[in-house]
């Protein structure tokens, strides 16, 4: 009897898709295959062999407008028909979800569709046009099961047509050790240097703060980097994209973590920072309020609000308690393996 097959369709260069692949390989009991719109992170070599992968080699634009991805549809559909999977799991619904849905609708690809929303595919793209809203509706309705990393985004998915939505974060694969020490002057930010992540607001908030010896380390990269570096306040350091171990070192030393996007669901980087005992300073978004109670275990900055010592000082005084409480929450609610195990238990009841 042929082993049941499970196909991931997404960006194989993303660490988040790699995380899913590792969890599926360890949990599902099915034979894992994967199709990537770009290439594959080297970490996939330990998860599935080359002969069970498809590289489409596209160059998606982080700002959207990826209609050219559709030219790869015939090739993807041919490959999916050969694989003949039980489940096809699309990550990021307005791109990879659309490809998987069209492969089934136009090319007769078999298998049941699962979709995972990543944030802007639900919170931003459907608001851009009637066409994108309709596409999102079609993909969501075609999915037997969808996943969301926040209750706020799950509700939006239901409004857009989703049937069943499971909610769990793109969490950590393991808890990091307790950091040995923290630098009360060190602020860390590592979201993409693109407009949606509002990195200029991070710089303005840091500049407005009266905090002796303050330092801001900005990791990651993006189209705004050059202009941000030109206007960066004193005490700011740009370090570019970091590999995981180096990034973990910055989390471990930083007392404060800044993430101020204009739209977001539950961000993995915020979970990582909380697991490392950082005090999170987040923008006022519904998903962020699922993680942070303002003034208790972090700060939620209202629109237009800047950082101040009056906001930080009470949290610094109880930062050890905050670190312990946030780590405990991550350990209980945001470890990825147990979440994926529950996900596959649900798939089995749905007929895998």
Protein backbone atom coordinates (compact mmCIF):
# COMPACT_ATOMS: atom_id res chain seq x y z
CA UNK A 1 0.00 0.00 0.00
CA UNK A 2 1.39 3.41 -1.04
CA UNK A 3 2.29 5.72 1.84
CA UNK A 4 0.10 8.81 2.07
CA UNK A 5 1.78 11.86 0.59
CA UNK A 6 1.79 15.43 1.90
CA UNK A 7 2.91 18.37 -0.26
CA UNK A 8 4.02 21.77 0.98
CA UNK A 9 3.66 24.63 -1.52
CA UNK A 10 5.42 27.81 -0.47
CA UNK A 11 8.72 29.69 -0.36
CA UNK A 12 11.38 27.08 0.36
CA UNK A 13 13.90 29.78 1.24
CA UNK A 14 11.77 30.88 4.20
CA UNK A 15 12.82 29.60 7.64
CA UNK A 16 9.12 29.37 8.51
CA UNK A 17 8.41 26.86 5.74
CA UNK A 18 11.48 24.89 6.80
CA UNK A 19 10.09 24.83 10.33
CA UNK A 20 6.82 23.40 9.00
CA UNK A 21 8.72 20.80 6.96
CA UNK A 22 10.70 19.60 9.96
CA UNK A 23 7.57 19.37 12.11
CA UNK A 24 5.60 17.52 9.41
CA UNK A 25 8.43 15.05 8.82
CA UNK A 26 8.53 14.32 12.55
CA UNK A 27 4.79 14.27 13.21
CA UNK A 28 2.59 13.38 10.26
CA UNK A 29 3.56 9.81 9.38
CA UNK A 30 3.14 10.79 5.73
CA UNK A 31 5.69 11.05 2.94
CA UNK A 32 6.68 14.73 2.63
CA UNK A 33 7.11 16.52 -0.71
CA UNK A 34 7.58 20.26 -1.34
CA UNK A 35 7.28 22.79 -4.17
CA UNK A 36 9.01 26.15 -3.76
CA UNK A 37 8.29 29.35 -5.66
CA UNK A 38 12.01 30.21 -5.28
CA UNK A 39 14.67 27.73 -4.16
CA UNK A 40 15.22 25.73 -0.97
CA UNK A 41 17.08 26.62 2.20
CA UNK A 42 20.00 24.28 2.84
CA UNK A 43 18.18 23.03 5.93
CA UNK A 44 15.79 21.09 3.68
CA UNK A 45 18.63 18.68 2.86
CA UNK A 46 18.11 17.02 6.23
CA UNK A 47 14.33 16.86 5.81
CA UNK A 48 13.54 15.56 2.32
CA UNK A 49 15.57 14.42 -0.69
CA UNK A 50 15.98 16.40 -3.89
CA UNK A 51 13.76 14.00 -5.85
CA UNK A 52 10.78 15.00 -3.71
CA UNK A 53 11.21 18.73 -4.37
CA UNK A 54 10.20 21.11 -7.15
CA UNK A 55 12.03 24.44 -7.64
CA UNK A 56 10.02 27.00 -9.63
CA UNK A 57 12.79 29.61 -9.46
CA UNK A 58 10.61 32.72 -9.39
CA UNK A 59 11.63 36.03 -7.80
CA UNK A 60 8.62 37.22 -5.78
CA UNK A 61 8.31 40.85 -4.78
CA UNK A 62 7.91 41.48 -1.04
CA UNK A 63 5.62 44.42 -1.82
CA UNK A 64 3.15 42.24 -3.76
CA UNK A 65 2.11 42.28 -7.39
CA UNK A 66 3.33 38.74 -8.03
CA UNK A 67 1.10 37.95 -10.99
CA UNK A 68 4.14 36.59 -12.85
CA UNK A 69 4.13 33.65 -10.43
CA UNK A 70 1.15 32.34 -12.42
CA UNK A 71 3.37 31.49 -15.38
CA UNK A 72 4.70 28.59 -13.31
CA UNK A 73 1.21 27.12 -12.86
CA UNK A 74 1.38 24.52 -15.70
CA UNK A 75 4.69 23.15 -14.44
CA UNK A 76 3.47 23.01 -10.84
CA UNK A 77 0.24 21.30 -11.92
CA UNK A 78 2.11 18.62 -13.90
CA UNK A 79 4.35 17.91 -10.92
CA UNK A 80 1.42 17.77 -8.48
CA UNK A 81 -0.41 15.33 -10.73
CA UNK A 82 2.63 13.06 -10.72
CA UNK A 83 2.97 13.25 -6.93
CA UNK A 84 -0.76 12.54 -6.44
CA UNK A 85 -0.78 13.74 -2.83
CA UNK A 86 -3.43 13.16 -0.19
CA UNK A 87 -3.01 16.70 1.15
CA UNK A 88 -1.65 19.85 -0.53
CA UNK A 89 -0.70 22.51 2.00
CA UNK A 90 -0.29 26.05 0.62
CA UNK A 91 1.51 28.73 2.62
CA UNK A 92 0.62 32.38 1.93
CA UNK A 93 -2.82 32.23 0.37
CA UNK A 94 -2.82 34.95 -2.27
CA UNK A 95 0.24 33.52 -4.01
CA UNK A 96 0.93 29.84 -3.28
CA UNK A 97 -2.67 29.22 -2.24
CA UNK A 98 -3.87 30.64 -5.55
CA UNK A 99 -1.45 28.39 -7.47
CA UNK A 100 -2.62 25.28 -5.64
CA UNK A 101 -6.29 26.15 -6.07
CA UNK A 102 -5.89 26.84 -9.80
CA UNK A 103 -3.91 23.62 -10.25
CA UNK A 104 -6.89 21.74 -8.90
CA UNK A 105 -9.55 23.78 -10.68
CA UNK A 106 -7.91 24.06 -14.11
CA UNK A 107 -5.68 20.97 -14.30
CA UNK A 108 -7.56 18.37 -12.31
CA UNK A 109 -4.94 17.96 -9.59
CA UNK A 110 -6.19 15.64 -6.87
CA UNK A 111 -5.74 15.92 -3.12
CA UNK A 112 -7.39 17.96 -0.41
CA UNK A 113 -6.26 21.54 0.07
CA UNK A 114 -5.00 23.02 3.33
CA UNK A 115 -3.99 26.68 3.69
CA UNK A 116 -1.84 28.60 6.15
CA UNK A 117 -2.20 32.38 6.31
CA UNK A 118 0.96 34.33 7.06
CA UNK A 119 -0.36 37.84 7.70
CA UNK A 120 -0.52 40.30 4.83
CA UNK A 121 -2.18 37.69 2.58
CA UNK A 122 -5.26 38.13 4.81
CA UNK A 123 -4.77 41.49 6.53
CA UNK A 124 -3.56 43.52 3.53
CA UNK A 125 -3.96 41.89 0.10
CA UNK A 126 -7.77 41.41 0.08
CA UNK A 127 -8.21 45.10 0.82
CA UNK A 128 -6.21 46.12 -2.26
CA UNK A 129 -8.78 45.13 -4.86
CA UNK A 130 -12.05 43.31 -5.51
CA UNK A 131 -10.11 40.75 -7.56
CA UNK A 132 -7.74 39.88 -4.70
CA UNK A 133 -10.64 39.68 -2.29
CA UNK A 134 -12.45 37.25 -4.59
CA UNK A 135 -9.31 35.16 -5.07
CA UNK A 136 -8.82 34.99 -1.32
CA UNK A 137 -12.43 33.91 -0.88
CA UNK A 138 -12.05 31.16 -3.47
CA UNK A 139 -8.86 29.81 -1.92
CA UNK A 140 -10.27 29.87 1.60
CA UNK A 141 -13.48 28.12 0.54
CA UNK A 142 -11.47 25.43 -1.25
CA UNK A 143 -9.47 24.59 1.87
CA UNK A 144 -10.68 21.76 4.08
CA UNK A 145 -8.76 23.34 6.95
CA UNK A 146 -6.83 26.58 7.37
CA UNK A 147 -4.43 27.82 10.02
CA UNK A 148 -3.91 31.27 11.51
CA UNK A 149 -1.36 32.48 14.04
CA UNK A 150 -3.75 34.86 15.83
CA UNK A 151 -7.40 35.01 16.82
CA UNK A 152 -7.73 38.40 15.12
CA UNK A 153 -6.57 37.06 11.76
CA UNK A 154 -8.68 33.92 12.16
CA UNK A 155 -11.78 36.07 12.53
CA UNK A 156 -10.86 37.98 9.39
CA UNK A 157 -10.37 34.67 7.54
CA UNK A 158 -13.87 33.55 8.54
CA UNK A 159 -15.27 36.86 7.31
CA UNK A 160 -13.51 36.27 3.98
CA UNK A 161 -14.99 32.80 3.55
CA UNK A 162 -12.87 30.30 5.49
CA UNK A 163 -14.59 27.20 6.76
CA UNK A 164 -12.59 25.74 9.65
CA UNK A 165 -9.65 27.70 11.09
CA UNK A 166 -7.15 26.35 13.63
CA UNK A 167 -5.28 29.01 15.59
CA UNK A 168 -1.71 28.52 16.76
CA UNK A 169 1.46 30.58 16.32
CA UNK A 170 4.39 29.84 14.01
CA UNK A 171 6.11 29.12 17.27
CA UNK A 172 9.52 28.03 18.48
CA UNK A 173 10.94 24.58 17.88
CA UNK A 174 12.59 24.65 21.32
CA UNK A 175 12.94 27.03 24.23
CA UNK A 176 16.28 28.86 24.40
CA UNK A 177 18.26 28.83 27.64
CA UNK A 178 17.64 31.60 30.15
CA UNK A 179 19.88 34.55 29.18
CA UNK A 180 22.69 35.02 31.72
CA UNK A 181 22.46 38.84 31.69
CA UNK A 182 20.70 41.76 30.05
CA UNK A 183 21.87 45.21 29.00
CA UNK A 184 19.29 47.74 30.16
CA UNK A 185 20.48 50.23 27.52
CA UNK A 186 20.19 47.83 24.56
CA UNK A 187 17.20 47.90 22.18
CA UNK A 188 16.94 45.32 19.39
CA UNK A 189 14.79 45.45 16.21
CA UNK A 190 14.85 42.89 13.41
CA UNK A 191 11.76 43.24 11.25
CA UNK A 192 12.17 43.78 7.51
CA UNK A 193 13.29 47.23 6.37
CA UNK A 194 10.15 47.69 4.28
CA UNK A 195 7.24 50.14 4.69
CA UNK A 196 4.81 47.62 6.23
CA UNK A 197 7.19 47.11 9.16
CA UNK A 198 7.53 50.87 9.79
CA UNK A 199 11.27 50.87 10.54
CA UNK A 200 11.32 54.69 10.36
CA UNK A 201 8.92 54.74 13.31
CA UNK A 202 11.31 52.51 15.24
CA UNK A 203 14.07 55.05 14.67
CA UNK A 204 11.83 57.99 15.64
CA UNK A 205 10.68 56.27 18.82
CA UNK A 206 14.27 55.49 19.79
CA UNK A 207 15.43 59.03 19.02
CA UNK A 208 12.69 60.56 21.20
CA UNK A 209 13.61 58.43 24.20
CA UNK A 210 15.62 60.04 27.01
CA UNK A 211 17.53 56.99 28.23
CA UNK A 212 21.19 57.36 29.21
CA UNK A 213 23.59 55.28 27.11
CA UNK A 214 20.82 53.96 24.87
CA UNK A 215 21.80 51.72 21.92
CA UNK A 216 19.64 50.42 19.08
CA UNK A 217 20.74 47.44 16.99
CA UNK A 218 18.75 47.08 13.75
CA UNK A 219 19.03 43.70 12.05
CA UNK A 220 17.54 42.50 8.76
CA UNK A 221 17.51 44.24 5.37
CA UNK A 222 15.16 45.73 2.81
CA UNK A 223 14.51 48.46 0.32
CA UNK A 224 14.53 51.25 2.93
CA UNK A 225 17.90 50.43 4.44
CA UNK A 226 19.96 53.14 2.72
CA UNK A 227 17.55 55.96 3.59
CA UNK A 228 17.19 54.71 7.15
CA UNK A 229 20.94 54.57 7.69
CA UNK A 230 21.26 58.11 6.34
CA UNK A 231 18.72 59.42 8.87
CA UNK A 232 19.51 57.15 11.82
CA UNK A 233 19.86 58.80 15.24
CA UNK A 234 23.01 58.56 17.29
CA UNK A 235 23.43 55.21 19.00
CA UNK A 236 21.94 53.21 16.11
CA UNK A 237 23.80 50.33 14.49
CA UNK A 238 22.66 48.41 11.39
CA UNK A 239 23.92 44.82 11.25
CA UNK A 240 22.04 43.39 8.24
CA UNK A 241 20.60 39.91 7.97
CA UNK A 242 21.76 37.60 10.72
CA UNK A 243 22.01 33.85 10.90
CA UNK A 244 20.03 32.30 13.75
CA UNK A 245 22.84 31.90 16.29
CA UNK A 246 24.00 35.51 15.97
CA UNK A 247 20.44 36.79 16.20
CA UNK A 248 19.88 34.71 19.34
CA UNK A 249 22.91 36.43 20.90
CA UNK A 250 21.36 39.86 20.33
CA UNK A 251 18.03 38.70 21.80
CA UNK A 252 19.85 37.32 24.80
CA UNK A 253 21.65 40.60 25.57
CA UNK A 254 18.93 43.12 24.71
CA UNK A 255 16.58 44.24 27.46
CA UNK A 256 14.09 45.73 24.97
CA UNK A 257 12.66 44.51 21.68
CA UNK A 258 10.99 46.87 19.17
CA UNK A 259 8.45 45.77 16.54
CA UNK A 260 6.15 48.49 15.20
CA UNK A 261 4.56 47.30 11.91
CA UNK A 262 1.44 48.89 10.48
CA UNK A 263 -0.14 45.48 9.88
CA UNK A 264 0.76 42.12 11.36
CA UNK A 265 -0.41 38.91 12.92
CA UNK A 266 1.60 37.15 15.64
CA UNK A 267 5.21 37.56 14.52
CA UNK A 268 7.73 34.77 15.12
CA UNK A 269 10.37 37.37 15.94
CA UNK A 270 8.22 38.72 18.78
CA UNK A 271 7.81 35.20 20.17
CA UNK A 272 11.56 34.68 19.90
CA UNK A 273 12.23 37.93 21.76
CA UNK A 274 9.77 37.05 24.52
CA UNK A 275 11.33 33.60 24.89
CA UNK A 276 14.71 35.29 25.40
CA UNK A 277 13.38 37.53 28.17
CA UNK A 278 13.22 40.77 26.18
CA UNK A 279 10.55 43.30 27.13
CA UNK A 280 8.45 43.69 23.94
CA UNK A 281 7.53 47.15 22.65
CA UNK A 282 4.90 46.66 19.96
CA UNK A 283 2.55 48.64 17.74
CA UNK A 284 -1.14 48.80 18.61
CA UNK A 285 -2.51 45.90 16.56
CA UNK A 286 -5.10 43.28 17.61
CA UNK A 287 -2.65 40.38 17.31
CA UNK A 288 -0.05 42.21 19.42
CA UNK A 289 -2.64 42.70 22.15
CA UNK A 290 -3.08 38.92 22.21
CA UNK A 291 0.54 38.75 23.40
CA UNK A 292 1.09 41.91 25.41
CA UNK A 293 -0.94 43.54 28.16
CA UNK A 294 0.23 47.13 28.01
CA UNK A 295 2.19 48.11 31.08
CA UNK A 296 2.18 44.56 32.49
CA UNK A 297 4.38 42.35 30.32
CA UNK A 298 5.40 44.88 27.68
CA UNK A 299 4.36 48.08 25.95
CA UNK A 300 1.80 48.66 23.23
CA UNK A 301 2.57 52.01 21.59
CA UNK A 302 -0.53 53.83 20.44
CA UNK A 303 -0.49 55.42 16.98
CA UNK A 304 1.66 58.53 17.16
CA UNK A 305 3.00 57.72 20.64
CA UNK A 306 6.75 57.89 21.22
CA UNK A 307 8.83 56.05 23.79
CA UNK A 308 9.49 57.72 27.11
CA UNK A 309 11.40 56.91 30.26
CA UNK A 310 8.14 57.14 32.17
CA UNK A 311 6.79 54.21 30.14
CA UNK A 312 9.96 52.11 30.39
CA UNK A 313 11.05 52.64 33.99
CA UNK A 314 8.19 50.71 35.70
CA UNK A 315 8.80 47.75 33.39
CA UNK A 316 12.54 47.83 33.98
CA UNK A 317 11.88 47.58 37.72
CA UNK A 318 10.05 44.27 37.22
CA UNK A 319 11.85 43.09 34.09
CA UNK A 320 12.93 39.82 35.73
CA UNK A 321 9.33 38.94 36.56
CA UNK A 322 8.22 39.90 33.04
CA UNK A 323 10.92 37.72 31.49
CA UNK A 324 9.86 34.69 33.54
CA UNK A 325 6.16 35.19 32.79
CA UNK A 326 6.71 35.69 29.05
CA UNK A 327 8.97 32.64 28.82
CA UNK A 328 6.35 30.55 30.64
CA UNK A 329 3.65 31.70 28.20
CA UNK A 330 5.80 30.81 25.20
CA UNK A 331 6.59 27.39 26.66
CA UNK A 332 2.91 26.64 27.21
CA UNK A 333 1.35 28.16 24.08
CA UNK A 334 3.96 28.75 21.36
CA UNK A 335 6.09 25.65 20.91
CA UNK A 336 5.59 24.54 17.34
CA UNK A 337 5.85 20.75 17.62
CA UNK A 338 2.82 20.23 19.91
CA UNK A 339 0.78 22.67 17.80
CA UNK A 340 1.53 20.77 14.58
CA UNK A 341 0.76 17.48 16.31
CA UNK A 342 -2.73 18.79 17.17
CA UNK A 343 -3.07 19.99 13.58
CA UNK A 344 -2.41 16.50 12.21
CA UNK A 345 -4.73 14.95 14.73
CA UNK A 346 -7.43 17.17 13.27
CA UNK A 347 -6.49 16.21 9.69
CA UNK A 348 -6.82 12.54 10.61
CA UNK A 349 -10.34 13.11 11.92
CA UNK A 350 -11.12 14.89 8.63
CA UNK A 351 -10.20 11.79 6.69
CA UNK A 352 -6.47 11.74 5.90
